[in-house]
Amino acid sequence: MKKQSVSKLAKEILAIEALAISRLRAKIGKDFERAVEAMDRCKGRVILTGMGKPGFIARKIAATMASTGTPSLYLHPAEAVHGDFGMVTSKDLMIAISQSGESEEIVRLLPLIKKKGVQLIALTSVARSSLGRNADIVLDLGVRREACPLNLAPSASTTASLALGDALALCLLQKRGFKSEDFAELHPAGSLGRRLLKVKDIMRTGKANPLVGPQTSVRQALLKITSSRAGSCTLVDAKGRLFGVFTDGDLRRHLRAQGEKILSRPVEALATLSPRFIHQDKLAEEAFHIMESLRIDELPVLDDVRRVVGLLDVQDLMRAGRV
């Protein structure tokens, strides 16, 4: 048999894998909806299992579910029949991936799954296989040929399994109302999580947020700024609402013009009385753009009724990994 060029073979492989995913679209229907409903009703964890290459796909799907708000884990089928099945409870739901539905390790798990009363969803291309017959819900992968030229190495089937697993995880995400804020909580160390951080997550509060009344002397305001290790203090009225901002820049500017006599003046005489601010529920990303465009280092943070609840410093953004 004449060998194909590498480029031609690569295009054929990609075409076969693309076709595998395309055919899945036609198969999405009531069984898929039942699977998502079952996962949504699950009171325990969604446990993924698969042997060999499907096992790696199962790990990835479990990781996607866990990162999008669904308690999930991967269970190695060979380890499961040597004691690890003890981690499975009757409240859990299992998703087993096997192209043939006859993987020895998966088939050996079936009596344990049935005995414990765990609901089982099968991802397989053979609905009448041992796995398919014992599953509560069967999602047909529909892969009749692998992309491998020898039709041996799992390729089109693992691609289809991964795509279908992503569809399950992301449809469940939407059904449960999982939001970007929830994603940020589960990814605090990642770049995506940092982009979704809210101002209230990193702002300074308490003693680190210096607040003074408008009639406070400049000298006292400076002491407050120094003790808080901040670069400004926020002026508030009797109800704690934003009145103005006094910064070290304001101090230097007035010192040059008027000298030390300003230290005994009320701070409102030197402060900026219409300062920029940001709401506590805004994204840190937005705060960064405001501070960058205005070339300022700090922003007072307000709640819904304009009470000052924090102070955001550019250093806080740096520590959070935003800049």
Foldseek 3Di string as FASTA:
>chain_A
DDDDDPVVLVVLLVVLLVVLQVVLVVQDDDLLVVLLVLQLPQPDAEEEEEPDLLQVLSQVLQVLLVLLPGHYHYDYLVVCVVPPVVVDALSYAYEYEDAALPPPSVLVCLVVCVVRNHAYEYEYQDCPHSNNVSHPGYRHSVRPAHSPPVSPDHHSSSSSSNVSSVVSSVVSSVVVVRDQQNSLVSPLPDPSNLQQAFQLVQFAADLLAAEDAQQDFQLVQVVSCVSNVHQKHFHAHPVQAGFFIGGVVLVVVVCVVPNPVSRGGGVNVSTGGDDDAEERGHGVLVVVVVCVVVVHFKHFYAYPVRHGGGMDGVVSSVVSVND
